[in-house]
Amino acid sequence: MRVVDLRSDTVTLPTEEMLEAMRNAELGDDVYREDPTVNRLEELTAKKMGKEAALLTTSGTQANLVSVLSQAGRGDEVILEAEAHMYYYEVGAFSALGGLIPRLVKGHRGVMQVKDIEAALRPANIHFPPTRLICIENTHNRAGGAIWEPSMIEEVQDLAKTHGLKIHMDGARIFNAAVALGLDVREFTRHVDTLMFCLSKGLSAPIGSIVVGEQEFVDRARRYRKMVGGGMRQAGIIAAAGIIAIEKMVDRLKDDHANAKLLATGLSRIPGISLDPSEVQTNIVIYDVSGLGVDGKEWVAKLLKHGVKAGAQERGRVRMVTHRGIEKEDIEYALSAVESVAKGIQSRT
């Protein structure tokens, strides 16, 4: 049976060029800062993102964790959008390990309004935890890959400067945002103090995420990385694939966006399925099947019988993500499977 895996862009496999680069990578001990391939990747990504320094980490969750721990202390408050990945899907790490308190602000499609952020800032009062950090997510996962445009980030930057706060960006898919708007990624990154991005999603590397910021911040983050068990030895085998991801895999993200549009448009035409294709900006498509009388888990189980893998969220929400390895023909097959499942459900009601 044909299988079309649309659960996430984390299922991408490394290219043959990446595998060859990993096999031939020049290696050293990264904890001693002696792995030349890691050093090259970190220098490359710092320059590309317009920051002083960079740090290779094992995952996006680890990257966000060490970034936040490096900028806020126990008992401090961190502002997050109410459906942020850091809040929903990272095991409460910054609270469990850092003693940090999340302050949730509801945004519109993942984007917080400056007035709402300002209203959430704690006044100086012995009863309140002090606000130290504002975190934004770009693109926003649970908002269907929605983009924080540079002008939006700049408004938050102005507020942060006024109140002496730092901004961290969970930029796991920041290159999707840059490609979608046709902008240099530095148009986004220049408005934040720190950010992370993933090599292992749409960029197709098998493992790894990068943290960037000022040198002093990266030095602290490196220490926290070691503390949480992220110190690596001959990590050049990871970095070698990451270099190719950065140099050669960014521009092709536009293909994923085109396929996501095709998918969203097709889904919107199937009775019982609800979504607005105009809201699909990048490679994530979230739709609602509650109109068919099923929840997300039941829907995903039915799709799987047709060889289509999707992700169930709460209630009737379902997520599909396009990525390298998914072609137009796969989208057409997935739409055919969705239509078949939807008709099967409707015929029994």
C-alpha atoms as a PDB file:
ATOM      1  CA  MET A   1       0.000   0.000   0.000  1.00  0.00           C
ATOM      2  CA  ARG A   2       1.210   3.477  -0.828  1.00  0.00           C
ATOM      3  CA  VAL A   3       2.135   5.544   2.245  1.00  0.00           C
ATOM      4  CA  VAL A   4       1.995   9.345   2.343  1.00  0.00           C
ATOM      5  CA  ASP A   5       3.368  10.660   5.640  1.00  0.00           C
ATOM      6  CA  LEU A   6       1.981  14.116   6.394  1.00  0.00           C
ATOM      7  CA  ARG A   7       2.340  13.983  10.176  1.00  0.00           C
ATOM      8  CA  SER A   8       5.256  16.421  10.327  1.00  0.00           C
ATOM      9  CA  ASP A   9       8.277  17.756   8.487  1.00  0.00           C
ATOM     10  CA  THR A  10      10.349  16.011  11.163  1.00  0.00           C
ATOM     11  CA  VAL A  11       9.967  12.787   9.147  1.00  0.00           C
ATOM     12  CA  THR A  12      12.231  14.088   6.376  1.00  0.00           C
ATOM     13  CA  LEU A  13      15.240  11.916   5.620  1.00  0.00           C
ATOM     14  CA  PRO A  14      18.751  13.230   4.908  1.00  0.00           C
ATOM     15  CA  THR A  15      19.827  13.575   1.289  1.00  0.00           C
ATOM     16  CA  GLU A  16      22.518  11.370  -0.187  1.00  0.00           C
ATOM     17  CA  GLU A  17      24.826  14.388  -0.165  1.00  0.00           C
ATOM     18  CA  MET A  18      24.222  14.801   3.566  1.00  0.00           C
ATOM     19  CA  LEU A  19      24.963  11.146   4.250  1.00  0.00           C
ATOM     20  CA  GLU A  20      28.189  11.366   2.266  1.00  0.00           C
ATOM     21  CA  ALA A  21      29.208  14.553   4.086  1.00  0.00           C
ATOM     22  CA  MET A  22      28.541  12.872   7.427  1.00  0.00           C
ATOM     23  CA  ARG A  23      30.707   9.903   6.452  1.00  0.00           C
ATOM     24  CA  ASN A  24      33.598  12.157   5.447  1.00  0.00           C
ATOM     25  CA  ALA A  25      33.252  14.857   8.127  1.00  0.00           C
ATOM     26  CA  GLU A  26      36.399  16.108   9.821  1.00  0.00           C
ATOM     27  CA  LEU A  27      35.894  15.437  13.519  1.00  0.00           C
ATOM     28  CA  GLY A  28      37.101  16.519  16.932  1.00  0.00           C
ATOM     29  CA  ASP A  29      35.765  16.839  20.483  1.00  0.00           C
ATOM     30  CA  ASP A  30      33.106  19.544  20.503  1.00  0.00           C
ATOM     31  CA  VAL A  31      33.080  19.931  24.303  1.00  0.00           C
ATOM     32  CA  TYR A  32      36.693  21.065  23.915  1.00  0.00           C
ATOM     33  CA  ARG A  33      35.580  23.216  20.946  1.00  0.00           C
ATOM     34  CA  GLU A  34      37.842  21.105  18.717  1.00  0.00           C
ATOM     35  CA  ASP A  35      35.387  19.771  16.151  1.00  0.00           C
ATOM     36  CA  PRO A  36      36.142  21.765  12.985  1.00  0.00           C
ATOM     37  CA  THR A  37      32.878  20.818  11.270  1.00  0.00           C
ATOM     38  CA  VAL A  38      30.784  21.988  14.227  1.00  0.00           C
ATOM     39  CA  ASN A  39      32.816  25.196  14.402  1.00  0.00           C
ATOM     40  CA  ARG A  40      32.209  25.798  10.714  1.00  0.00           C
ATOM     41  CA  LEU A  41      28.446  25.232  11.078  1.00  0.00           C
ATOM     42  CA  GLU A  42      28.228  27.601  14.035  1.00  0.00           C
ATOM     43  CA  GLU A  43      30.176  30.314  12.230  1.00  0.00           C
ATOM     44  CA  LEU A  44      28.063  29.842   9.107  1.00  0.00           C
ATOM     45  CA  THR A  45      24.737  30.050  10.915  1.00  0.00           C
ATOM     46  CA  ALA A  46      25.704  33.027  13.089  1.00  0.00           C
ATOM     47  CA  LYS A  47      26.583  34.980   9.963  1.00  0.00           C
ATOM     48  CA  LYS A  48      23.458  33.879   8.104  1.00  0.00           C
ATOM     49  CA  MET A  49      21.227  34.928  10.987  1.00  0.00           C
ATOM     50  CA  GLY A  50      23.044  38.212  11.586  1.00  0.00           C
ATOM     51  CA  LYS A  51      24.177  37.364  15.124  1.00  0.00           C
ATOM     52  CA  GLU A  52      27.544  37.219  16.888  1.00  0.00           C
ATOM     53  CA  ALA A  53      27.631  33.537  17.751  1.00  0.00           C
ATOM     54  CA  ALA A  54      25.815  30.224  17.428  1.00  0.00           C
ATOM     55  CA  LEU A  55      25.533  26.922  19.281  1.00  0.00           C
ATOM     56  CA  LEU A  56      24.615  23.480  17.938  1.00  0.00           C
ATOM     57  CA  THR A  57      22.102  21.619  20.104  1.00  0.00           C
ATOM     58  CA  THR A  58      20.511  18.216  19.777  1.00  0.00           C
ATOM     59  CA  SER A  59      16.901  19.370  19.383  1.00  0.00           C
ATOM     60  CA  GLY A  60      14.537  22.318  19.218  1.00  0.00           C
ATOM     61  CA  THR A  61      13.312  21.621  22.741  1.00  0.00           C
ATOM     62  CA  GLN A  62      16.869  21.695  24.065  1.00  0.00           C
ATOM     63  CA  ALA A  63      17.594  24.843  22.068  1.00  0.00           C
ATOM     64  CA  ASN A  64      14.605  26.666  23.532  1.00  0.00           C
ATOM     65  CA  LEU A  65      15.402  25.413  27.026  1.00  0.00           C
ATOM     66  CA  VAL A  66      19.010  26.598  27.119  1.00  0.00           C
ATOM     67  CA  SER A  67      17.998  29.898  25.517  1.00  0.00           C
ATOM     68  CA  VAL A  68      15.397  30.653  28.167  1.00  0.00           C
ATOM     69  CA  LEU A  69      17.565  29.449  31.065  1.00  0.00           C
ATOM     70  CA  SER A  70      20.309  31.778  29.847  1.00  0.00           C
ATOM     71  CA  GLN A  71      18.086  34.846  30.035  1.00  0.00           C
ATOM     72  CA  ALA A  72      15.767  34.392  33.020  1.00  0.00           C
ATOM     73  CA  GLY A  73      16.151  32.982  36.527  1.00  0.00           C
ATOM     74  CA  ARG A  74      14.104  31.002  39.004  1.00  0.00           C
ATOM     75  CA  GLY A  75      10.891  32.802  39.919  1.00  0.00           C
ATOM     76  CA  ASP A  76      10.981  35.026  36.841  1.00  0.00           C
ATOM     77  CA  GLU A  77       8.055  35.241  34.460  1.00  0.00           C
ATOM     78  CA  VAL A  78       8.200  34.498  30.733  1.00  0.00           C
ATOM     79  CA  ILE A  79       5.524  35.801  28.348  1.00  0.00           C
ATOM     80  CA  LEU A  80       4.310  33.273  25.768  1.00  0.00           C
ATOM     81  CA  GLU A  81       1.472  33.135  23.276  1.00  0.00           C
ATOM     82  CA  ALA A  82      -1.293  30.968  24.753  1.00  0.00           C
ATOM     83  CA  GLU A  83      -0.783  28.128  22.265  1.00  0.00           C
ATOM     84  CA  ALA A  84       2.992  28.326  21.959  1.00  0.00           C
ATOM     85  CA  HIS A  85       4.940  25.156  21.228  1.00  0.00           C
ATOM     86  CA  MET A  86       7.176  25.906  24.214  1.00  0.00           C
ATOM     87  CA  TYR A  87       4.113  25.786  26.462  1.00  0.00           C
ATOM     88  CA  TYR A  88       2.233  22.911  24.835  1.00  0.00           C
ATOM     89  CA  TYR A  89       4.829  20.439  23.639  1.00  0.00           C
ATOM     90  CA  GLU A  90       8.128  20.846  25.511  1.00  0.00           C
ATOM     91  CA  VAL A  91       7.248  18.936  28.690  1.00  0.00           C
ATOM     92  CA  GLY A  92       7.142  22.078  30.847  1.00  0.00           C
ATOM     93  CA  ALA A  93      10.941  22.033  30.747  1.00  0.00           C
ATOM     94  CA  PHE A  94      11.581  25.689  31.529  1.00  0.00           C
ATOM     95  CA  SER A  95       9.335  25.477  34.611  1.00  0.00           C
ATOM     96  CA  ALA A  96      10.501  22.039  35.763  1.00  0.00           C
ATOM     97  CA  LEU A  97      14.207  22.691  35.278  1.00  0.00           C
ATOM     98  CA  GLY A  98      14.436  26.474  35.469  1.00  0.00           C
ATOM     99  CA  GLY A  99      11.717  27.452  37.931  1.00  0.00           C
ATOM    100  CA  LEU A 100      10.305  29.896  35.379  1.00  0.00           C
ATOM    101  CA  ILE A 101       6.662  30.908  35.308  1.00  0.00           C
ATOM    102  CA  PRO A 102       4.711  31.104  32.025  1.00  0.00           C
ATOM    103  CA  ARG A 103       2.478  34.140  31.496  1.00  0.00           C
ATOM    104  CA  LEU A 104       0.125  33.315  28.619  1.00  0.00           C
ATOM    105  CA  VAL A 105      -1.185  35.946  26.215  1.00  0.00           C
ATOM    106  CA  LYS A 106      -3.842  34.984  23.686  1.00  0.00           C
ATOM    107  CA  GLY A 107      -2.904  36.007  20.156  1.00  0.00           C
ATOM    108  CA  HIS A 108      -4.653  36.019  16.809  1.00  0.00           C
ATOM    109  CA  ARG A 109      -3.360  33.113  14.739  1.00  0.00           C
ATOM    110  CA  GLY A 110      -0.349  32.917  17.023  1.00  0.00           C
ATOM    111  CA  VAL A 111       0.534  36.603  16.910  1.00  0.00           C
ATOM    112  CA  MET A 112       0.246  38.568  20.148  1.00  0.00           C
ATOM    113  CA  GLN A 113      -0.841  42.186  20.042  1.00  0.00           C
ATOM    114  CA  VAL A 114       1.575  44.631  21.658  1.00  0.00           C
ATOM    115  CA  LYS A 115      -1.180  46.100  23.843  1.00  0.00           C
ATOM    116  CA  ASP A 116      -1.948  42.634  25.206  1.00  0.00           C
ATOM    117  CA  ILE A 117       1.709  41.942  25.933  1.00  0.00           C
ATOM    118  CA  GLU A 118       2.030  45.273  27.713  1.00  0.00           C
ATOM    119  CA  ALA A 119      -1.073  44.542  29.775  1.00  0.00           C
ATOM    120  CA  ALA A 120       0.508  41.263  30.884  1.00  0.00           C
ATOM    121  CA  LEU A 121       3.735  42.871  32.147  1.00  0.00           C
ATOM    122  CA  ARG A 122       4.036  42.702  35.916  1.00  0.00           C
ATOM    123  CA  PRO A 123       4.374  46.021  37.759  1.00  0.00           C
ATOM    124  CA  ALA A 124       7.108  46.364  40.349  1.00  0.00           C
ATOM    125  CA  ASN A 125       5.496  44.758  43.379  1.00  0.00           C
ATOM    126  CA  ILE A 126       6.861  42.379  45.990  1.00  0.00           C
ATOM    127  CA  HIS A 127       3.887  40.066  45.400  1.00  0.00           C
ATOM    128  CA  PHE A 128       4.564  39.489  41.704  1.00  0.00           C
ATOM    129  CA  PRO A 129       7.214  37.546  39.802  1.00  0.00           C
ATOM    130  CA  PRO A 130       9.160  39.953  37.585  1.00  0.00           C
ATOM    131  CA  THR A 131       8.778  39.675  33.814  1.00  0.00           C
ATOM    132  CA  ARG A 132      12.142  38.996  32.144  1.00  0.00           C
ATOM    133  CA  LEU A 133      11.532  37.596  28.689  1.00  0.00           C
ATOM    134  CA  ILE A 134       9.051  37.665  25.807  1.00  0.00           C
ATOM    135  CA  CYS A 135       8.947  34.574  23.596  1.00  0.00           C
ATOM    136  CA  ILE A 136       7.435  34.485  20.119  1.00  0.00           C
ATOM    137  CA  GLU A 137       7.041  31.541  17.733  1.00  0.00           C
ATOM    138  CA  ASN A 138       7.720  31.977  14.018  1.00  0.00           C
ATOM    139  CA  THR A 139       6.157  30.222  12.216  1.00  0.00           C
ATOM    140  CA  HIS A 140       3.482  29.329  14.746  1.00  0.00           C
ATOM    141  CA  ASN A 141       2.771  25.604  14.817  1.00  0.00           C
ATOM    142  CA  ARG A 142      -0.711  25.455  16.342  1.00  0.00           C
ATOM    143  CA  ALA A 143      -1.803  28.445  14.277  1.00  0.00           C
ATOM    144  CA  GLY A 144      -1.134  26.458  11.109  1.00  0.00           C
ATOM    145  CA  GLY A 145       2.323  27.779  10.258  1.00  0.00           C
ATOM    146  CA  ALA A 146       1.278  31.429  10.592  1.00  0.00           C
ATOM    147  CA  ILE A 147       3.999  34.055  10.176  1.00  0.00           C
ATOM    148  CA  TRP A 148       5.102  36.844  12.483  1.00  0.00           C
ATOM    149  CA  GLU A 149       6.047  39.458   9.891  1.00  0.00           C
ATOM    150  CA  PRO A 150       9.122  41.624  10.608  1.00  0.00           C
ATOM    151  CA  SER A 151       6.996  44.710  11.293  1.00  0.00           C
ATOM    152  CA  MET A 152       5.066  42.794  13.946  1.00  0.00           C
ATOM    153  CA  ILE A 153       8.277  41.674  15.634  1.00  0.00           C
ATOM    154  CA  GLU A 154       9.650  45.216  15.516  1.00  0.00           C
ATOM    155  CA  GLU A 155       6.643  46.474  17.478  1.00  0.00           C
ATOM    156  CA  VAL A 156       7.353  43.919  20.196  1.00  0.00           C
ATOM    157  CA  GLN A 157      11.020  44.900  20.105  1.00  0.00           C
ATOM    158  CA  ASP A 158      10.121  48.527  20.788  1.00  0.00           C
ATOM    159  CA  LEU A 159       8.011  47.475  23.767  1.00  0.00           C
ATOM    160  CA  ALA A 160      10.751  45.203  25.096  1.00  0.00           C
ATOM    161  CA  LYS A 161      13.332  47.988  24.908  1.00  0.00           C
ATOM    162  CA  THR A 162      11.030  50.332  26.785  1.00  0.00           C
ATOM    163  CA  HIS A 163      10.660  47.858  29.638  1.00  0.00           C
ATOM    164  CA  GLY A 164      14.175  46.425  29.638  1.00  0.00           C
ATOM    165  CA  LEU A 165      13.109  42.963  28.445  1.00  0.00           C
ATOM    166  CA  LYS A 166      14.678  40.443  26.084  1.00  0.00           C
ATOM    167  CA  ILE A 167      12.975  38.693  23.173  1.00  0.00           C
ATOM    168  CA  HIS A 168      13.564  35.051  22.286  1.00  0.00           C
ATOM    169  CA  MET A 169      12.169  33.618  19.073  1.00  0.00           C
ATOM    170  CA  ASP A 170      11.272  29.968  18.727  1.00  0.00           C
ATOM    171  CA  GLY A 171      12.142  30.034  15.043  1.00  0.00           C
ATOM    172  CA  ALA A 172      11.991  26.293  14.441  1.00  0.00           C
ATOM    173  CA  ARG A 173      10.601  27.052  10.962  1.00  0.00           C
ATOM    174  CA  ILE A 174      11.908  30.600  10.512  1.00  0.00           C
ATOM    175  CA  PHE A 175      13.204  29.821   7.030  1.00  0.00           C
ATOM    176  CA  ASN A 176       9.665  28.898   6.009  1.00  0.00           C
ATOM    177  CA  ALA A 177       8.613  32.401   7.017  1.00  0.00           C
ATOM    178  CA  ALA A 178      11.492  34.024   5.136  1.00  0.00           C
ATOM    179  CA  VAL A 179      10.889  32.008   1.955  1.00  0.00           C
ATOM    180  CA  ALA A 180       7.125  32.587   2.065  1.00  0.00           C
ATOM    181  CA  LEU A 181       7.568  36.368   2.211  1.00  0.00           C
ATOM    182  CA  GLY A 182      10.593  36.463  -0.080  1.00  0.00           C
ATOM    183  CA  LEU A 183      12.779  38.123   2.561  1.00  0.00           C
ATOM    184  CA  ASP A 184      16.291  37.632   3.888  1.00  0.00           C
ATOM    185  CA  VAL A 185      15.984  35.794   7.197  1.00  0.00           C
ATOM    186  CA  ARG A 186      17.875  38.629   8.886  1.00  0.00           C
ATOM    187  CA  GLU A 187      14.829  40.853   8.369  1.00  0.00           C
ATOM    188  CA  PHE A 188      13.208  38.733  11.079  1.00  0.00           C
ATOM    189  CA  THR A 189      16.179  38.017  13.318  1.00  0.00           C
ATOM    190  CA  ARG A 190      17.377  41.607  13.717  1.00  0.00           C
ATOM    191  CA  HIS A 191      14.357  42.369  15.888  1.00  0.00           C
ATOM    192  CA  VAL A 192      15.038  39.670  18.502  1.00  0.00           C
ATOM    193  CA  ASP A 193      17.857  39.132  20.978  1.00  0.00           C
ATOM    194  CA  THR A 194      18.040  35.366  20.607  1.00  0.00           C
ATOM    195  CA  LEU A 195      16.494  32.646  18.509  1.00  0.00           C
ATOM    196  CA  MET A 196      16.660  28.986  17.657  1.00  0.00           C
ATOM    197  CA  PHE A 197      15.869  27.181  14.439  1.00  0.00           C
ATOM    198  CA  CYS A 198      15.695  23.528  13.438  1.00  0.00           C
ATOM    199  CA  LEU A 199      17.930  21.802  10.926  1.00  0.00           C
ATOM    200  CA  SER A 200      15.862  18.632  11.200  1.00  0.00           C
ATOM    201  CA  LYS A 201      12.477  19.757   9.867  1.00  0.00           C
ATOM    202  CA  GLY A 202      11.999  21.131   6.372  1.00  0.00           C
ATOM    203  CA  LEU A 203      15.754  21.508   5.908  1.00  0.00           C
ATOM    204  CA  SER A 204      16.019  17.697   6.034  1.00  0.00           C
ATOM    205  CA  ALA A 205      19.033  17.206   8.300  1.00  0.00           C
ATOM    206  CA  PRO A 206      18.644  14.096  10.478  1.00  0.00           C
ATOM    207  CA  ILE A 207      19.242  15.860  13.796  1.00  0.00           C
ATOM    208  CA  GLY A 208      20.055  19.213  15.339  1.00  0.00           C
ATOM    209  CA  SER A 209      18.934  22.752  16.076  1.00  0.00           C
ATOM    210  CA  ILE A 210      20.897  25.984  16.340  1.00  0.00           C
ATOM    211  CA  VAL A 211      20.806  28.751  18.947  1.00  0.00           C
ATOM    212  CA  VAL A 212      22.077  32.216  17.976  1.00  0.00           C
ATOM    213  CA  GLY A 213      22.615  35.530  19.745  1.00  0.00           C
ATOM    214  CA  GLU A 214      25.333  37.683  21.276  1.00  0.00           C
ATOM    215  CA  GLN A 215      28.549  35.922  22.260  1.00  0.00           C
ATOM    216  CA  GLU A 216      27.932  36.334  25.990  1.00  0.00           C
ATOM    217  CA  PHE A 217      24.501  34.741  25.668  1.00  0.00           C
ATOM    218  CA  VAL A 218      25.829  31.817  23.612  1.00  0.00           C
ATOM    219  CA  ASP A 219      28.561  31.215  26.187  1.00  0.00           C
ATOM    220  CA  ARG A 220      25.884  30.896  28.891  1.00  0.00           C
ATOM    221  CA  ALA A 221      23.747  28.699  26.668  1.00  0.00           C
ATOM    222  CA  ARG A 222      26.740  26.413  26.051  1.00  0.00           C
ATOM    223  CA  ARG A 223      27.099  25.950  29.789  1.00  0.00           C
ATOM    224  CA  TYR A 224      23.411  25.120  30.164  1.00  0.00           C
ATOM    225  CA  ARG A 225      23.626  22.752  27.219  1.00  0.00           C
ATOM    226  CA  LYS A 226      26.322  20.842  29.110  1.00  0.00           C
ATOM    227  CA  MET A 227      24.222  20.936  32.286  1.00  0.00           C
ATOM    228  CA  VAL A 228      21.236  19.245  30.641  1.00  0.00           C
ATOM    229  CA  GLY A 229      23.395  16.582  29.022  1.00  0.00           C
ATOM    230  CA  GLY A 230      23.822  18.159  25.619  1.00  0.00           C
ATOM    231  CA  GLY A 231      27.597  18.331  25.498  1.00  0.00           C
ATOM    232  CA  MET A 232      28.645  16.364  22.418  1.00  0.00           C
ATOM    233  CA  ARG A 233      31.924  14.852  21.320  1.00  0.00           C
ATOM    234  CA  GLN A 234      32.521  14.152  17.608  1.00  0.00           C
ATOM    235  CA  ALA A 235      29.388  16.092  16.679  1.00  0.00           C
ATOM    236  CA  GLY A 236      30.734  16.945  13.240  1.00  0.00           C
ATOM    237  CA  ILE A 237      28.751  14.001  11.901  1.00  0.00           C
ATOM    238  CA  ILE A 238      25.636  16.024  12.810  1.00  0.00           C
ATOM    239  CA  ALA A 239      27.055  19.365  11.737  1.00  0.00           C
ATOM    240  CA  ALA A 240      28.091  18.110   8.298  1.00  0.00           C
ATOM    241  CA  ALA A 241      24.457  17.494   7.362  1.00  0.00           C
ATOM    242  CA  GLY A 242      23.498  20.818   8.946  1.00  0.00           C
ATOM    243  CA  ILE A 243      25.887  22.722   6.706  1.00  0.00           C
ATOM    244  CA  ILE A 244      24.254  21.264   3.603  1.00  0.00           C
ATOM    245  CA  ALA A 245      20.828  21.981   5.079  1.00  0.00           C
ATOM    246  CA  ILE A 246      21.684  25.671   5.414  1.00  0.00           C
ATOM    247  CA  GLU A 247      23.511  26.034   2.129  1.00  0.00           C
ATOM    248  CA  LYS A 248      21.265  23.988  -0.147  1.00  0.00           C
ATOM    249  CA  MET A 249      17.875  23.194   1.354  1.00  0.00           C
ATOM    250  CA  VAL A 250      16.317  26.585   2.114  1.00  0.00           C
ATOM    251  CA  ASP A 251      15.116  27.655  -1.319  1.00  0.00           C
ATOM    252  CA  ARG A 252      13.242  24.408  -1.946  1.00  0.00           C
ATOM    253  CA  LEU A 253      10.850  25.202   0.948  1.00  0.00           C
ATOM    254  CA  LYS A 254       8.735  27.082  -1.590  1.00  0.00           C
ATOM    255  CA  ASP A 255       7.791  23.687  -3.049  1.00  0.00           C
ATOM    256  CA  ASP A 256       6.415  22.617   0.330  1.00  0.00           C
ATOM    257  CA  HIS A 257       4.376  25.813   0.524  1.00  0.00           C
ATOM    258  CA  ALA A 258       2.910  25.241  -2.930  1.00  0.00           C
ATOM    259  CA  ASN A 259       1.959  21.688  -1.992  1.00  0.00           C
ATOM    260  CA  ALA A 260       0.370  22.907   1.255  1.00  0.00           C
ATOM    261  CA  LYS A 261      -1.762  25.362  -0.734  1.00  0.00           C
ATOM    262  CA  LEU A 262      -2.805  22.579  -3.085  1.00  0.00           C
ATOM    263  CA  LEU A 263      -3.697  20.385  -0.118  1.00  0.00           C
ATOM    264  CA  ALA A 264      -5.643  23.125   1.674  1.00  0.00           C
ATOM    265  CA  THR A 265      -7.609  24.069  -1.425  1.00  0.00           C
ATOM    266  CA  GLY A 266      -8.542  20.456  -2.064  1.00  0.00           C
ATOM    267  CA  LEU A 267      -9.561  19.841   1.544  1.00  0.00           C
ATOM    268  CA  SER A 268     -11.772  22.925   1.591  1.00  0.00           C
ATOM    269  CA  ARG A 269     -13.856  21.475  -1.238  1.00  0.00           C
ATOM    270  CA  ILE A 270     -14.723  18.270   0.626  1.00  0.00           C
ATOM    271  CA  PRO A 271     -18.112  18.450   2.421  1.00  0.00           C
ATOM    272  CA  GLY A 272     -17.818  18.194   6.195  1.00  0.00           C
ATOM    273  CA  ILE A 273     -14.250  19.529   6.340  1.00  0.00           C
ATOM    274  CA  SER A 274     -13.672  23.080   7.537  1.00  0.00           C
ATOM    275  CA  LEU A 275     -10.675  25.326   6.853  1.00  0.00           C
ATOM    276  CA  ASP A 276      -9.805  28.595   5.120  1.00  0.00           C
ATOM    277  CA  PRO A 277      -7.125  27.982   2.452  1.00  0.00           C
ATOM    278  CA  SER A 278      -6.202  31.674   2.422  1.00  0.00           C
ATOM    279  CA  GLU A 279      -4.796  31.283   5.940  1.00  0.00           C
ATOM    280  CA  VAL A 280      -2.232  28.676   4.845  1.00  0.00           C
ATOM    281  CA  GLN A 281       0.999  30.663   4.558  1.00  0.00           C
ATOM    282  CA  THR A 282       3.693  28.005   4.777  1.00  0.00           C
ATOM    283  CA  ASN A 283       3.768  24.198   5.047  1.00  0.00           C
ATOM    284  CA  ILE A 284       1.266  23.427   7.820  1.00  0.00           C
ATOM    285  CA  VAL A 285      -2.401  22.748   7.135  1.00  0.00           C
ATOM    286  CA  ILE A 286      -4.838  22.417  10.045  1.00  0.00           C
ATOM    287  CA  TYR A 287      -8.438  21.515   9.335  1.00  0.00           C
ATOM    288  CA  ASP A 288     -11.547  20.532  11.295  1.00  0.00           C
ATOM    289  CA  VAL A 289     -13.478  17.297  10.723  1.00  0.00           C
ATOM    290  CA  SER A 290     -16.050  17.745  13.490  1.00  0.00           C
ATOM    291  CA  GLY A 291     -18.603  18.517  10.770  1.00  0.00           C
ATOM    292  CA  LEU A 292     -18.335  14.835   9.848  1.00  0.00           C
ATOM    293  CA  GLY A 293     -19.206  13.785  13.392  1.00  0.00           C
ATOM    294  CA  VAL A 294     -15.783  12.365  14.242  1.00  0.00           C
ATOM    295  CA  ASP A 295     -12.896  13.526  16.400  1.00  0.00           C
ATOM    296  CA  GLY A 296      -9.327  13.924  15.280  1.00  0.00           C
ATOM    297  CA  LYS A 297      -8.093  10.566  16.581  1.00  0.00           C
ATOM    298  CA  GLU A 298     -10.860   8.618  14.884  1.00  0.00           C
ATOM    299  CA  TRP A 299     -10.299  10.501  11.616  1.00  0.00           C
ATOM    300  CA  VAL A 300      -6.557   9.867  11.640  1.00  0.00           C
ATOM    301  CA  ALA A 301      -7.109   6.149  12.293  1.00  0.00           C
ATOM    302  CA  LYS A 302      -9.453   5.917   9.303  1.00  0.00           C
ATOM    303  CA  LEU A 303      -6.995   7.773   7.046  1.00  0.00           C
ATOM    304  CA  LEU A 304      -4.185   5.459   8.053  1.00  0.00           C
ATOM    305  CA  LYS A 305      -6.083   2.528   6.559  1.00  0.00           C
ATOM    306  CA  HIS A 306      -5.639   4.289   3.213  1.00  0.00           C
ATOM    307  CA  GLY A 307      -1.909   4.815   3.813  1.00  0.00           C
ATOM    308  CA  VAL A 308      -2.159   8.505   4.710  1.00  0.00           C
ATOM    309  CA  LYS A 309      -0.556   9.579   7.992  1.00  0.00           C
ATOM    310  CA  ALA A 310      -1.793  12.737   9.709  1.00  0.00           C
ATOM    311  CA  GLY A 311      -1.662  14.196  13.203  1.00  0.00           C
ATOM    312  CA  ALA A 312      -4.691  14.375  15.502  1.00  0.00           C
ATOM    313  CA  GLN A 313      -5.105  17.386  17.736  1.00  0.00           C
ATOM    314  CA  GLU A 314      -7.853  18.077  20.255  1.00  0.00           C
ATOM    315  CA  ARG A 315     -11.513  17.722  19.314  1.00  0.00           C
ATOM    316  CA  GLY A 316     -11.867  17.618  15.525  1.00  0.00           C
ATOM    317  CA  ARG A 317      -8.607  19.315  14.570  1.00  0.00           C
ATOM    318  CA  VAL A 318      -6.205  17.506  12.253  1.00  0.00           C
ATOM    319  CA  ARG A 319      -2.749  18.622  11.135  1.00  0.00           C
ATOM    320  CA  MET A 320      -0.955  17.806   7.901  1.00  0.00           C
ATOM    321  CA  VAL A 321       2.532  19.074   7.077  1.00  0.00           C
ATOM    322  CA  THR A 322       4.216  19.115   3.669  1.00  0.00           C
ATOM    323  CA  HIS A 323       7.947  18.510   3.354  1.00  0.00           C
ATOM    324  CA  ARG A 324      10.727  17.172   1.150  1.00  0.00           C
ATOM    325  CA  GLY A 325       9.655  13.788  -0.142  1.00  0.00           C
ATOM    326  CA  ILE A 326       6.055  14.870  -0.615  1.00  0.00           C
ATOM    327  CA  GLU A 327       5.255  15.658  -4.246  1.00  0.00           C
ATOM    328  CA  LYS A 328       2.149  16.905  -6.041  1.00  0.00           C
ATOM    329  CA  GLU A 329       1.140  13.316  -6.785  1.00  0.00           C
ATOM    330  CA  ASP A 330       1.239  12.515  -3.052  1.00  0.00           C
ATOM    331  CA  ILE A 331      -1.061  15.452  -2.311  1.00  0.00           C
ATOM    332  CA  GLU A 332      -3.497  14.235  -4.939  1.00  0.00           C
ATOM    333  CA  TYR A 333      -3.412  10.728  -3.453  1.00  0.00           C
ATOM    334  CA  ALA A 334      -3.976  12.110   0.061  1.00  0.00           C
ATOM    335  CA  LEU A 335      -6.941  14.192  -1.111  1.00  0.00           C
ATOM    336  CA  SER A 336      -8.442  11.145  -2.774  1.00  0.00           C
ATOM    337  CA  ALA A 337      -8.078   9.208   0.476  1.00  0.00           C
ATOM    338  CA  VAL A 338      -9.614  12.050   2.504  1.00  0.00           C
ATOM    339  CA  GLU A 339     -12.566  12.257   0.139  1.00  0.00           C
ATOM    340  CA  SER A 340     -13.077   8.497   0.306  1.00  0.00           C
ATOM    341  CA  VAL A 341     -13.022   8.467   4.108  1.00  0.00           C
ATOM    342  CA  ALA A 342     -15.372  11.465   4.312  1.00  0.00           C
ATOM    343  CA  LYS A 343     -17.859   9.819   1.941  1.00  0.00           C
ATOM    344  CA  GLY A 344     -17.682   6.584   3.903  1.00  0.00           C
ATOM    345  CA  ILE A 345     -18.541   8.405   7.129  1.00  0.00           C
ATOM    346  CA  GLN A 346     -21.385  10.350   5.527  1.00  0.00           C
ATOM    347  CA  SER A 347     -22.883   7.209   3.979  1.00  0.00           C
ATOM    348  CA  ARG A 348     -23.354   5.708   7.440  1.00  0.00           C
ATOM    349  CA  THR A 349     -25.107   8.779   8.895  1.00  0.00           C
END
